Amino acid sequence: MIITRTPFRMSFFGGGTDYPTYVAQHGGAVLSTTFDKYSYVTCRWLPPFFDHKYHVTYSKIESAREIDEIRHPAIKEILLSYENGYEQGVEIHCDADLPARSGLGSSSAFVVGLLQAMEGLRGRHVSNEWLAKKAIHLEQNILKENVGSQDQVATSFGGLNVINFHKNGSFSVDPLPLSESRKKLLNSHLLLFFTGFSRFSSTVAKAQLEKMEENKAQLATMRAMVDQATEILVSDRDIRAFGELLHNTWILKRGLAQEVSTTEVDAIYEVARQHGAIGGKLLGAGGGGFIIFFVEPARQHDVVRALSGLIRVPFKFEDEGSRIIYYRT
């Protein structure tokens, strides 16, 4: 049996510049971090005592004799890629600390975790780079989803990084050289809330992709903010400048497509700003899910009280990425 643990990510700057069509023309970059909320995948060889060969549990439970009978698209395609690599049946169980379709890269975290588990089940060790590339290929080329490349890389590698996407299709991961005190200072200024409005990021992303050429100036500005935010963090500048930059990217991202925000989300953002938030960002493609606010610690009680109708999720940054946490033959 193998259990993998893969972190969720929060993207601060550069989201949208990681989509393949944009990267191929301009290159892209994002500044993001992973944090201590995870997707867990348990895999084991299924004993040959059942009518079915495959048993998968996520929000639904499926038992199947053939891989083609499995309805979950990612599980189905990953198993198909290993079809000639084993004769035994497989049991897969999926759990997560936070809900899916909420802007935290949960879909990619699951794919990365399942790939890690399947490789481990076969006695293979794979690199973070292999996991990221395999997950990108699966989501973009096999499943044909409207997704970028940042989630797969962030959840595979873990940590607070600038991820650069190059025109030739490659990427590089540059960890930010922050002192522990500087990293804790940033963490202490962030509040994470669940808006309650889950959505399929691929649907929201499709609307953005249709306006990619029209929005190229805004996307170039959002890419430049990655460098500006990095300079703020690695220097001794007032950390509040990071929050002000988040507010600027909020304004820009809202203009990319109508589906990025909603009336309800806009109202949440304005309430937070009125009670002390310097800036904030809807995580993921948009349309709902989780939202993060940059708030000085002295004002956080006011923001939390004003948003008492939302679920607040305390968190800490993490830097381990996807890993096997249990292995037993």
C-alpha atoms as a PDB file:
ATOM      1  CA  MET A   1       0.000   0.000   0.000  1.00  0.00           C
ATOM      2  CA  ILE A   2       1.140   3.528  -0.806  1.00  0.00           C
ATOM      3  CA  ILE A   3      -0.153   6.847   0.504  1.00  0.00           C
ATOM      4  CA  THR A   4       0.915  10.097  -1.142  1.00  0.00           C
ATOM      5  CA  ARG A   5       0.447  13.615   0.175  1.00  0.00           C
ATOM      6  CA  THR A   6       0.407  16.523  -2.262  1.00  0.00           C
ATOM      7  CA  PRO A   7       0.001  20.155  -1.137  1.00  0.00           C
ATOM      8  CA  PHE A   8      -2.452  22.712  -2.442  1.00  0.00           C
ATOM      9  CA  ARG A   9      -1.095  25.951  -3.819  1.00  0.00           C
ATOM     10  CA  MET A  10      -1.976  29.622  -3.660  1.00  0.00           C
ATOM     11  CA  SER A  11      -0.954  31.741  -6.600  1.00  0.00           C
ATOM     12  CA  PHE A  12      -0.099  35.370  -5.890  1.00  0.00           C
ATOM     13  CA  PHE A  13       0.974  36.879  -9.215  1.00  0.00           C
ATOM     14  CA  GLY A  14       1.256  35.962 -12.880  1.00  0.00           C
ATOM     15  CA  GLY A  15      -1.746  33.655 -13.159  1.00  0.00           C
ATOM     16  CA  GLY A  16      -2.959  33.526 -16.757  1.00  0.00           C
ATOM     17  CA  THR A  17       0.537  33.834 -18.216  1.00  0.00           C
ATOM     18  CA  ASP A  18       1.037  30.073 -17.742  1.00  0.00           C
ATOM     19  CA  TYR A  19      -1.485  28.983 -20.391  1.00  0.00           C
ATOM     20  CA  PRO A  20       0.199  27.215 -23.319  1.00  0.00           C
ATOM     21  CA  THR A  21      -1.088  29.576 -26.014  1.00  0.00           C
ATOM     22  CA  TYR A  22       0.260  32.609 -24.137  1.00  0.00           C
ATOM     23  CA  VAL A  23       3.537  30.971 -23.143  1.00  0.00           C
ATOM     24  CA  ALA A  24       4.286  29.914 -26.728  1.00  0.00           C
ATOM     25  CA  GLN A  25       4.215  33.562 -27.827  1.00  0.00           C
ATOM     26  CA  HIS A  26       5.480  35.487 -24.832  1.00  0.00           C
ATOM     27  CA  GLY A  27       6.722  33.185 -22.095  1.00  0.00           C
ATOM     28  CA  GLY A  28       5.200  33.505 -18.641  1.00  0.00           C
ATOM     29  CA  ALA A  29       5.878  33.446 -14.922  1.00  0.00           C
ATOM     30  CA  VAL A  30       4.004  33.050 -11.652  1.00  0.00           C
ATOM     31  CA  LEU A  31       4.810  33.651  -8.012  1.00  0.00           C
ATOM     32  CA  SER A  32       3.126  31.059  -5.818  1.00  0.00           C
ATOM     33  CA  THR A  33       3.459  28.980  -2.694  1.00  0.00           C
ATOM     34  CA  THR A  34       2.181  25.686  -1.396  1.00  0.00           C
ATOM     35  CA  PHE A  35       0.683  25.446   2.074  1.00  0.00           C
ATOM     36  CA  ASP A  36      -0.194  22.835   4.688  1.00  0.00           C
ATOM     37  CA  LYS A  37      -3.468  21.571   3.248  1.00  0.00           C
ATOM     38  CA  TYR A  38      -3.224  18.438   1.150  1.00  0.00           C
ATOM     39  CA  SER A  39      -4.649  15.942  -1.289  1.00  0.00           C
ATOM     40  CA  TYR A  40      -4.115  12.335  -0.180  1.00  0.00           C
ATOM     41  CA  VAL A  41      -4.133   9.322  -2.482  1.00  0.00           C
ATOM     42  CA  THR A  42      -4.018   5.732  -1.243  1.00  0.00           C
ATOM     43  CA  CYS A  43      -3.244   2.944  -3.704  1.00  0.00           C
ATOM     44  CA  ARG A  44      -2.846  -0.797  -3.300  1.00  0.00           C
ATOM     45  CA  TRP A  45      -2.925  -3.902  -5.417  1.00  0.00           C
ATOM     46  CA  LEU A  46      -6.416  -5.345  -5.232  1.00  0.00           C
ATOM     47  CA  PRO A  47      -6.585  -8.968  -4.029  1.00  0.00           C
ATOM     48  CA  PRO A  48      -8.084 -11.317  -6.685  1.00  0.00           C
ATOM     49  CA  PHE A  49     -11.218 -12.179  -4.715  1.00  0.00           C
ATOM     50  CA  PHE A  50     -13.694  -9.740  -6.261  1.00  0.00           C
ATOM     51  CA  ASP A  51     -15.854  -9.552  -9.348  1.00  0.00           C
ATOM     52  CA  HIS A  52     -14.227  -6.216 -10.175  1.00  0.00           C
ATOM     53  CA  LYS A  53     -10.593  -5.432 -10.977  1.00  0.00           C
ATOM     54  CA  TYR A  54     -10.675  -1.714 -10.178  1.00  0.00           C
ATOM     55  CA  HIS A  55     -12.166  -0.011  -7.153  1.00  0.00           C
ATOM     56  CA  VAL A  56     -11.919   3.780  -6.837  1.00  0.00           C
ATOM     57  CA  THR A  57     -13.294   6.032  -4.122  1.00  0.00           C
ATOM     58  CA  TYR A  58     -13.513   9.813  -4.363  1.00  0.00           C
ATOM     59  CA  SER A  59     -16.770  11.780  -4.051  1.00  0.00           C
ATOM     60  CA  LYS A  60     -18.246   8.696  -5.683  1.00  0.00           C
ATOM     61  CA  ILE A  61     -17.479   4.985  -5.441  1.00  0.00           C
ATOM     62  CA  GLU A  62     -16.792   3.020  -8.589  1.00  0.00           C
ATOM     63  CA  SER A  63     -16.124  -0.672  -9.154  1.00  0.00           C
ATOM     64  CA  ALA A  64     -15.167  -1.790 -12.645  1.00  0.00           C
ATOM     65  CA  ARG A  65     -13.922  -4.857 -14.464  1.00  0.00           C
ATOM     66  CA  GLU A  66     -12.328  -2.826 -17.248  1.00  0.00           C
ATOM     67  CA  ILE A  67     -10.577   0.544 -17.122  1.00  0.00           C
ATOM     68  CA  ASP A  68     -12.886   1.904 -19.826  1.00  0.00           C
ATOM     69  CA  GLU A  69     -15.810   1.496 -17.424  1.00  0.00           C
ATOM     70  CA  ILE A  70     -14.338   4.031 -14.953  1.00  0.00           C
ATOM     71  CA  ARG A  71     -16.142   7.383 -15.153  1.00  0.00           C
ATOM     72  CA  HIS A  72     -13.566   9.586 -13.401  1.00  0.00           C
ATOM     73  CA  PRO A  73     -11.604  10.966 -16.396  1.00  0.00           C
ATOM     74  CA  ALA A  74      -8.207  11.501 -14.725  1.00  0.00           C
ATOM     75  CA  ILE A  75      -8.196   8.146 -12.930  1.00  0.00           C
ATOM     76  CA  LYS A  76      -9.281   6.396 -16.112  1.00  0.00           C
ATOM     77  CA  GLU A  77      -6.541   7.951 -18.263  1.00  0.00           C
ATOM     78  CA  ILE A  78      -3.796   7.397 -15.690  1.00  0.00           C
ATOM     79  CA  LEU A  79      -4.748   3.729 -15.333  1.00  0.00           C
ATOM     80  CA  LEU A  80      -4.863   3.374 -19.122  1.00  0.00           C
ATOM     81  CA  SER A  81      -1.302   4.678 -19.319  1.00  0.00           C
ATOM     82  CA  TYR A  82      -0.207   1.808 -17.074  1.00  0.00           C
ATOM     83  CA  GLU A  83      -2.496  -0.834 -18.586  1.00  0.00           C
ATOM     84  CA  ASN A  84       0.346  -2.964 -19.934  1.00  0.00           C
ATOM     85  CA  GLY A  85       2.431  -2.510 -16.810  1.00  0.00           C
ATOM     86  CA  TYR A  86       0.505  -4.781 -14.424  1.00  0.00           C
ATOM     87  CA  GLU A  87      -1.879  -7.682 -14.304  1.00  0.00           C
ATOM     88  CA  GLN A  88      -3.278  -7.174 -10.801  1.00  0.00           C
ATOM     89  CA  GLY A  89      -6.276  -5.050  -9.972  1.00  0.00           C
ATOM     90  CA  VAL A  90      -5.900  -1.682  -8.278  1.00  0.00           C
ATOM     91  CA  GLU A  91      -7.749   0.060  -5.481  1.00  0.00           C
ATOM     92  CA  ILE A  92      -7.541   3.863  -5.272  1.00  0.00           C
ATOM     93  CA  HIS A  93      -8.872   6.042  -2.463  1.00  0.00           C
ATOM     94  CA  CYS A  94      -8.816   9.855  -2.580  1.00  0.00           C
ATOM     95  CA  ASP A  95      -9.178  12.339   0.286  1.00  0.00           C
ATOM     96  CA  ALA A  96      -8.483  16.049   0.680  1.00  0.00           C
ATOM     97  CA  ASP A  97      -8.295  18.649   3.432  1.00  0.00           C
ATOM     98  CA  LEU A  98     -10.231  21.217   1.368  1.00  0.00           C
ATOM     99  CA  PRO A  99     -12.991  20.999  -1.265  1.00  0.00           C
ATOM    100  CA  ALA A 100     -12.348  20.545  -4.959  1.00  0.00           C
ATOM    101  CA  ARG A 101     -13.092  23.177  -7.623  1.00  0.00           C
ATOM    102  CA  SER A 102     -12.107  25.941  -5.239  1.00  0.00           C
ATOM    103  CA  GLY A 103      -9.065  27.609  -6.813  1.00  0.00           C
ATOM    104  CA  LEU A 104      -6.254  25.877  -4.929  1.00  0.00           C
ATOM    105  CA  GLY A 105      -4.936  23.632  -7.672  1.00  0.00           C
ATOM    106  CA  SER A 106      -6.770  20.641  -6.178  1.00  0.00           C
ATOM    107  CA  SER A 107      -7.285  18.873  -9.511  1.00  0.00           C
ATOM    108  CA  SER A 108      -3.590  19.017 -10.349  1.00  0.00           C
ATOM    109  CA  ALA A 109      -2.632  18.059  -6.800  1.00  0.00           C
ATOM    110  CA  PHE A 110      -4.779  14.949  -7.163  1.00  0.00           C
ATOM    111  CA  VAL A 111      -3.281  14.051 -10.550  1.00  0.00           C
ATOM    112  CA  VAL A 112       0.267  14.566  -9.268  1.00  0.00           C
ATOM    113  CA  GLY A 113      -0.472  12.518  -6.137  1.00  0.00           C
ATOM    114  CA  LEU A 114      -2.005   9.657  -8.124  1.00  0.00           C
ATOM    115  CA  LEU A 115       0.940   9.578 -10.541  1.00  0.00           C
ATOM    116  CA  GLN A 116       3.309   9.532  -7.559  1.00  0.00           C
ATOM    117  CA  ALA A 117       1.336   6.668  -5.988  1.00  0.00           C
ATOM    118  CA  MET A 118       1.140   4.571  -9.169  1.00  0.00           C
ATOM    119  CA  GLU A 119       4.867   4.921  -9.784  1.00  0.00           C
ATOM    120  CA  GLY A 120       5.593   4.027  -6.158  1.00  0.00           C
ATOM    121  CA  LEU A 121       3.286   1.026  -6.344  1.00  0.00           C
ATOM    122  CA  ARG A 122       5.464  -0.263  -9.174  1.00  0.00           C
ATOM    123  CA  GLY A 123       8.632   0.332  -7.156  1.00  0.00           C
ATOM    124  CA  ARG A 124       9.728   3.407  -9.066  1.00  0.00           C
ATOM    125  CA  HIS A 125      11.055   6.711  -7.757  1.00  0.00           C
ATOM    126  CA  VAL A 126      10.314   9.744  -9.922  1.00  0.00           C
ATOM    127  CA  SER A 127      11.456  13.349  -9.730  1.00  0.00           C
ATOM    128  CA  ASN A 128       9.318  16.404  -9.078  1.00  0.00           C
ATOM    129  CA  GLU A 129      10.064  17.518 -12.628  1.00  0.00           C
ATOM    130  CA  TRP A 130       8.799  14.206 -14.051  1.00  0.00           C
ATOM    131  CA  LEU A 131       5.583  14.478 -12.021  1.00  0.00           C
ATOM    132  CA  ALA A 132       4.941  18.036 -13.177  1.00  0.00           C
ATOM    133  CA  LYS A 133       5.567  17.298 -16.862  1.00  0.00           C
ATOM    134  CA  LYS A 134       3.473  14.130 -16.784  1.00  0.00           C
ATOM    135  CA  ALA A 135       0.579  15.941 -15.072  1.00  0.00           C
ATOM    136  CA  ILE A 136       0.742  18.849 -17.539  1.00  0.00           C
ATOM    137  CA  HIS A 137       0.655  16.426 -20.474  1.00  0.00           C
ATOM    138  CA  LEU A 138      -2.276  14.511 -19.033  1.00  0.00           C
ATOM    139  CA  GLU A 139      -4.424  17.546 -18.232  1.00  0.00           C
ATOM    140  CA  GLN A 140      -3.661  19.599 -21.339  1.00  0.00           C
ATOM    141  CA  ASN A 141      -3.145  16.996 -24.078  1.00  0.00           C
ATOM    142  CA  ILE A 142      -5.063  13.909 -22.974  1.00  0.00           C
ATOM    143  CA  LEU A 143      -7.985  15.353 -20.984  1.00  0.00           C
ATOM    144  CA  LYS A 144      -8.013  18.507 -23.156  1.00  0.00           C
ATOM    145  CA  GLU A 145      -8.777  20.761 -20.195  1.00  0.00           C
ATOM    146  CA  ASN A 146      -8.456  24.548 -20.333  1.00  0.00           C
ATOM    147  CA  VAL A 147      -5.698  24.704 -17.747  1.00  0.00           C
ATOM    148  CA  GLY A 148      -2.333  26.346 -17.393  1.00  0.00           C
ATOM    149  CA  SER A 149       0.880  24.762 -16.149  1.00  0.00           C
ATOM    150  CA  GLN A 150       1.488  26.422 -12.808  1.00  0.00           C
ATOM    151  CA  ASP A 151      -0.595  24.095 -10.614  1.00  0.00           C
ATOM    152  CA  GLN A 152       1.154  20.909 -11.694  1.00  0.00           C
ATOM    153  CA  VAL A 153       4.593  22.439 -11.131  1.00  0.00           C
ATOM    154  CA  ALA A 154       3.752  24.115  -7.812  1.00  0.00           C
ATOM    155  CA  THR A 155       2.164  21.046  -6.242  1.00  0.00           C
ATOM    156  CA  SER A 156       4.947  18.756  -7.458  1.00  0.00           C
ATOM    157  CA  PHE A 157       7.832  20.883  -6.185  1.00  0.00           C
ATOM    158  CA  GLY A 158       6.301  22.671  -3.180  1.00  0.00           C
ATOM    159  CA  GLY A 159       7.597  25.870  -1.616  1.00  0.00           C
ATOM    160  CA  LEU A 160       7.484  29.596  -2.306  1.00  0.00           C
ATOM    161  CA  ASN A 161       8.771  29.947  -5.856  1.00  0.00           C
ATOM    162  CA  VAL A 162       8.927  31.949  -9.015  1.00  0.00           C
ATOM    163  CA  ILE A 163       8.059  29.508 -11.786  1.00  0.00           C
ATOM    164  CA  ASN A 164       9.153  30.616 -15.254  1.00  0.00           C
ATOM    165  CA  PHE A 165       7.499  29.152 -18.351  1.00  0.00           C
ATOM    166  CA  HIS A 166       9.597  29.330 -21.492  1.00  0.00           C
ATOM    167  CA  LYS A 167       8.466  29.607 -25.093  1.00  0.00           C
ATOM    168  CA  ASN A 168       9.967  26.209 -25.937  1.00  0.00           C
ATOM    169  CA  GLY A 169       7.611  24.519 -23.469  1.00  0.00           C
ATOM    170  CA  SER A 170      10.106  24.019 -20.644  1.00  0.00           C
ATOM    171  CA  PHE A 171       9.888  25.553 -17.176  1.00  0.00           C
ATOM    172  CA  SER A 172      12.233  26.459 -14.334  1.00  0.00           C
ATOM    173  CA  VAL A 173      11.526  26.681 -10.614  1.00  0.00           C
ATOM    174  CA  ASP A 174      13.359  29.350  -8.610  1.00  0.00           C
ATOM    175  CA  PRO A 175      12.797  29.193  -4.826  1.00  0.00           C
ATOM    176  CA  LEU A 176      12.741  32.646  -3.235  1.00  0.00           C
ATOM    177  CA  PRO A 177      15.755  33.092  -0.930  1.00  0.00           C
ATOM    178  CA  LEU A 178      13.792  34.482   2.021  1.00  0.00           C
ATOM    179  CA  SER A 179      14.841  34.332   5.644  1.00  0.00           C
ATOM    180  CA  GLU A 180      12.534  32.331   7.857  1.00  0.00           C
ATOM    181  CA  SER A 181      11.461  35.530   9.621  1.00  0.00           C
ATOM    182  CA  ARG A 182      10.576  37.240   6.317  1.00  0.00           C
ATOM    183  CA  LYS A 183       8.586  34.216   5.184  1.00  0.00           C
ATOM    184  CA  LYS A 184       6.717  34.095   8.508  1.00  0.00           C
ATOM    185  CA  LEU A 185       6.023  37.829   8.218  1.00  0.00           C
ATOM    186  CA  LEU A 186       4.337  37.296   4.852  1.00  0.00           C
ATOM    187  CA  ASN A 187       2.385  34.292   6.146  1.00  0.00           C
ATOM    188  CA  SER A 188       1.192  36.294   9.163  1.00  0.00           C
ATOM    189  CA  HIS A 189      -0.346  38.966   6.913  1.00  0.00           C
ATOM    190  CA  LEU A 190      -2.537  36.557   4.924  1.00  0.00           C
ATOM    191  CA  LEU A 191      -6.093  35.440   5.665  1.00  0.00           C
ATOM    192  CA  LEU A 192      -7.713  32.650   3.666  1.00  0.00           C
ATOM    193  CA  PHE A 193     -11.502  32.335   3.328  1.00  0.00           C
ATOM    194  CA  PHE A 194     -13.840  30.005   1.470  1.00  0.00           C
ATOM    195  CA  THR A 195     -16.473  31.962  -0.428  1.00  0.00           C
ATOM    196  CA  GLY A 196     -18.685  28.913  -0.832  1.00  0.00           C
ATOM    197  CA  PHE A 197     -19.029  29.344  -4.573  1.00  0.00           C
ATOM    198  CA  SER A 198     -17.269  26.361  -6.133  1.00  0.00           C
ATOM    199  CA  ARG A 199     -16.859  26.218  -9.891  1.00  0.00           C
ATOM    200  CA  PHE A 200     -15.006  24.359 -12.638  1.00  0.00           C
ATOM    201  CA  SER A 201     -11.837  26.344 -13.327  1.00  0.00           C
ATOM    202  CA  SER A 202     -11.701  24.971 -16.870  1.00  0.00           C
ATOM    203  CA  THR A 203     -15.005  26.706 -17.656  1.00  0.00           C
ATOM    204  CA  VAL A 204     -13.783  30.054 -16.313  1.00  0.00           C
ATOM    205  CA  ALA A 205     -10.424  29.641 -18.017  1.00  0.00           C
ATOM    206  CA  LYS A 206     -12.100  29.050 -21.369  1.00  0.00           C
ATOM    207  CA  ALA A 207     -13.635  32.515 -21.209  1.00  0.00           C
ATOM    208  CA  GLN A 208     -10.214  34.002 -20.472  1.00  0.00           C
ATOM    209  CA  LEU A 209      -8.547  32.054 -23.266  1.00  0.00           C
ATOM    210  CA  GLU A 210     -11.068  33.377 -25.777  1.00  0.00           C
ATOM    211  CA  LYS A 211      -9.918  36.899 -24.868  1.00  0.00           C
ATOM    212  CA  MET A 212      -6.194  36.106 -24.699  1.00  0.00           C
ATOM    213  CA  GLU A 213      -5.198  38.332 -27.626  1.00  0.00           C
ATOM    214  CA  GLU A 214      -7.463  41.137 -26.459  1.00  0.00           C
ATOM    215  CA  ASN A 215      -5.981  40.961 -22.944  1.00  0.00           C
ATOM    216  CA  LYS A 216      -2.304  40.610 -23.848  1.00  0.00           C
ATOM    217  CA  ALA A 217      -1.401  44.052 -22.462  1.00  0.00           C
ATOM    218  CA  GLN A 218      -3.015  43.255 -19.093  1.00  0.00           C
ATOM    219  CA  LEU A 219      -1.325  39.850 -19.028  1.00  0.00           C
ATOM    220  CA  ALA A 220       2.056  41.463 -19.713  1.00  0.00           C
ATOM    221  CA  THR A 221       1.453  43.775 -16.753  1.00  0.00           C
ATOM    222  CA  MET A 222       0.484  40.809 -14.573  1.00  0.00           C
ATOM    223  CA  ARG A 223       3.683  39.041 -15.613  1.00  0.00           C
ATOM    224  CA  ALA A 224       5.721  42.122 -14.664  1.00  0.00           C
ATOM    225  CA  MET A 225       4.092  42.059 -11.211  1.00  0.00           C
ATOM    226  CA  VAL A 226       5.871  38.774 -10.525  1.00  0.00           C
ATOM    227  CA  ASP A 227       9.192  40.620 -10.646  1.00  0.00           C
ATOM    228  CA  GLN A 228       7.840  43.530  -8.600  1.00  0.00           C
ATOM    229  CA  ALA A 229       6.476  41.227  -5.896  1.00  0.00           C
ATOM    230  CA  THR A 230       9.728  39.248  -5.819  1.00  0.00           C
ATOM    231  CA  GLU A 231      11.722  42.441  -5.318  1.00  0.00           C
ATOM    232  CA  ILE A 232       9.472  43.422  -2.406  1.00  0.00           C
ATOM    233  CA  LEU A 233       9.872  40.073  -0.677  1.00  0.00           C
ATOM    234  CA  VAL A 234      13.635  39.615  -1.073  1.00  0.00           C
ATOM    235  CA  SER A 235      14.383  43.186   0.037  1.00  0.00           C
ATOM    236  CA  ASP A 236      13.743  44.888   3.357  1.00  0.00           C
ATOM    237  CA  ARG A 237      10.886  46.983   1.943  1.00  0.00           C
ATOM    238  CA  ASP A 238       7.677  47.417   3.905  1.00  0.00           C
ATOM    239  CA  ILE A 239       5.759  44.154   3.473  1.00  0.00           C
ATOM    240  CA  ARG A 240       2.547  46.159   2.986  1.00  0.00           C
ATOM    241  CA  ALA A 241       3.709  46.926  -0.546  1.00  0.00           C
ATOM    242  CA  PHE A 242       3.012  43.266  -1.331  1.00  0.00           C
ATOM    243  CA  GLY A 243      -0.606  43.759  -0.288  1.00  0.00           C
ATOM    244  CA  GLU A 244      -0.954  46.883  -2.401  1.00  0.00           C
ATOM    245  CA  LEU A 245       0.344  44.958  -5.399  1.00  0.00           C
ATOM    246  CA  LEU A 246      -2.229  42.229  -4.720  1.00  0.00           C
ATOM    247  CA  HIS A 247      -4.955  44.852  -4.942  1.00  0.00           C
ATOM    248  CA  ASN A 248      -3.595  45.977  -8.300  1.00  0.00           C
ATOM    249  CA  THR A 249      -3.633  42.434  -9.663  1.00  0.00           C
ATOM    250  CA  TRP A 250      -7.208  41.991  -8.378  1.00  0.00           C
ATOM    251  CA  ILE A 251      -8.308  44.932 -10.502  1.00  0.00           C
ATOM    252  CA  LEU A 252      -6.449  43.632 -13.549  1.00  0.00           C
ATOM    253  CA  LYS A 253      -7.680  40.058 -13.231  1.00  0.00           C
ATOM    254  CA  ARG A 254     -11.309  41.149 -12.896  1.00  0.00           C
ATOM    255  CA  GLY A 255     -10.972  42.760 -16.315  1.00  0.00           C
ATOM    256  CA  LEU A 256      -9.830  39.588 -18.085  1.00  0.00           C
ATOM    257  CA  ALA A 257     -13.332  38.096 -18.396  1.00  0.00           C
ATOM    258  CA  GLN A 258     -16.773  38.582 -16.913  1.00  0.00           C
ATOM    259  CA  GLU A 259     -16.635  35.071 -15.406  1.00  0.00           C
ATOM    260  CA  VAL A 260     -13.577  35.861 -13.241  1.00  0.00           C
ATOM    261  CA  SER A 261     -15.666  37.384 -10.459  1.00  0.00           C
ATOM    262  CA  THR A 262     -19.295  37.584  -9.352  1.00  0.00           C
ATOM    263  CA  THR A 263     -21.432  40.147  -7.593  1.00  0.00           C
ATOM    264  CA  GLU A 264     -21.174  38.093  -4.389  1.00  0.00           C
ATOM    265  CA  VAL A 265     -17.370  37.855  -4.579  1.00  0.00           C
ATOM    266  CA  ASP A 266     -17.059  41.578  -5.330  1.00  0.00           C
ATOM    267  CA  ALA A 267     -19.149  42.316  -2.217  1.00  0.00           C
ATOM    268  CA  ILE A 268     -16.898  40.102  -0.070  1.00  0.00           C
ATOM    269  CA  TYR A 269     -13.828  41.887  -1.366  1.00  0.00           C
ATOM    270  CA  GLU A 270     -15.251  45.328  -0.662  1.00  0.00           C
ATOM    271  CA  VAL A 271     -16.274  44.381   2.892  1.00  0.00           C
ATOM    272  CA  ALA A 272     -12.764  43.114   3.586  1.00  0.00           C
ATOM    273  CA  ARG A 273     -11.225  46.307   2.201  1.00  0.00           C
ATOM    274  CA  GLN A 274     -13.542  48.459   4.302  1.00  0.00           C
ATOM    275  CA  HIS A 275     -12.407  46.647   7.452  1.00  0.00           C
ATOM    276  CA  GLY A 276      -8.663  46.787   6.906  1.00  0.00           C
ATOM    277  CA  ALA A 277      -7.583  44.496   4.064  1.00  0.00           C
ATOM    278  CA  ILE A 278      -4.928  46.174   1.927  1.00  0.00           C
ATOM    279  CA  GLY A 279      -5.408  43.820  -0.977  1.00  0.00           C
ATOM    280  CA  GLY A 280      -6.624  40.401  -1.904  1.00  0.00           C
ATOM    281  CA  LYS A 281      -6.901  37.828  -4.617  1.00  0.00           C
ATOM    282  CA  LEU A 282      -9.382  35.254  -5.774  1.00  0.00           C
ATOM    283  CA  LEU A 283      -7.342  32.079  -6.087  1.00  0.00           C
ATOM    284  CA  GLY A 284      -7.450  30.027  -9.243  1.00  0.00           C
ATOM    285  CA  ALA A 285      -9.101  30.949 -12.527  1.00  0.00           C
ATOM    286  CA  GLY A 286     -11.875  32.864 -10.756  1.00  0.00           C
ATOM    287  CA  GLY A 287     -15.611  32.690 -10.301  1.00  0.00           C
ATOM    288  CA  GLY A 288     -15.536  31.688  -6.647  1.00  0.00           C
ATOM    289  CA  GLY A 289     -13.830  29.249  -4.346  1.00  0.00           C
ATOM    290  CA  PHE A 290     -11.116  30.525  -1.999  1.00  0.00           C
ATOM    291  CA  ILE A 291     -10.057  34.111  -1.602  1.00  0.00           C
ATOM    292  CA  ILE A 292      -7.004  35.443   0.208  1.00  0.00           C
ATOM    293  CA  PHE A 293      -6.594  38.848   1.851  1.00  0.00           C
ATOM    294  CA  PHE A 294      -3.483  40.721   2.877  1.00  0.00           C
ATOM    295  CA  VAL A 295      -4.237  42.284   6.269  1.00  0.00           C
ATOM    296  CA  GLU A 296      -1.971  43.706   8.933  1.00  0.00           C
ATOM    297  CA  PRO A 297      -2.198  41.513  12.055  1.00  0.00           C
ATOM    298  CA  ALA A 298      -3.656  44.357  14.128  1.00  0.00           C
ATOM    299  CA  ARG A 299      -6.629  44.623  11.724  1.00  0.00           C
ATOM    300  CA  GLN A 300      -7.269  40.925  11.147  1.00  0.00           C
ATOM    301  CA  HIS A 301      -9.836  40.607  13.923  1.00  0.00           C
ATOM    302  CA  ASP A 302     -11.936  43.284  12.201  1.00  0.00           C
ATOM    303  CA  VAL A 303     -11.803  41.498   8.843  1.00  0.00           C
ATOM    304  CA  VAL A 304     -12.563  38.090  10.346  1.00  0.00           C
ATOM    305  CA  ARG A 305     -15.534  39.527  12.233  1.00  0.00           C
ATOM    306  CA  ALA A 306     -16.838  41.324   9.135  1.00  0.00           C
ATOM    307  CA  LEU A 307     -16.623  38.086   7.145  1.00  0.00           C
ATOM    308  CA  SER A 308     -17.993  35.880   9.912  1.00  0.00           C
ATOM    309  CA  GLY A 309     -20.381  34.263   7.439  1.00  0.00           C
ATOM    310  CA  LEU A 310     -17.422  32.692   5.591  1.00  0.00           C
ATOM    311  CA  ILE A 311     -15.206  29.814   6.640  1.00  0.00           C
ATOM    312  CA  ARG A 312     -11.699  30.970   7.528  1.00  0.00           C
ATOM    313  CA  VAL A 313      -8.886  28.471   6.974  1.00  0.00           C
ATOM    314  CA  PRO A 314      -5.719  29.022   9.048  1.00  0.00           C
ATOM    315  CA  PHE A 315      -2.619  27.813   7.199  1.00  0.00           C
ATOM    316  CA  LYS A 316       1.164  27.781   7.095  1.00  0.00           C
ATOM    317  CA  PHE A 317       3.473  27.704   4.108  1.00  0.00           C
ATOM    318  CA  GLU A 318       5.077  24.360   3.295  1.00  0.00           C
ATOM    319  CA  ASP A 319       8.011  23.410   1.071  1.00  0.00           C
ATOM    320  CA  GLU A 320       7.981  19.621   0.664  1.00  0.00           C
ATOM    321  CA  GLY A 321       5.809  19.214  -2.412  1.00  0.00           C
ATOM    322  CA  SER A 322       4.315  15.870  -3.379  1.00  0.00           C
ATOM    323  CA  ARG A 323       5.741  12.943  -1.453  1.00  0.00           C
ATOM    324  CA  ILE A 324       5.088   9.367  -0.390  1.00  0.00           C
ATOM    325  CA  ILE A 325       4.228   9.364   3.312  1.00  0.00           C
ATOM    326  CA  TYR A 326       3.494   5.654   3.683  1.00  0.00           C
ATOM    327  CA  TYR A 327       4.920   2.688   1.825  1.00  0.00           C
ATOM    328  CA  ARG A 328       4.457  -0.976   2.633  1.00  0.00           C
ATOM    329  CA  THR A 329       4.880  -3.903   0.294  1.00  0.00           C
END
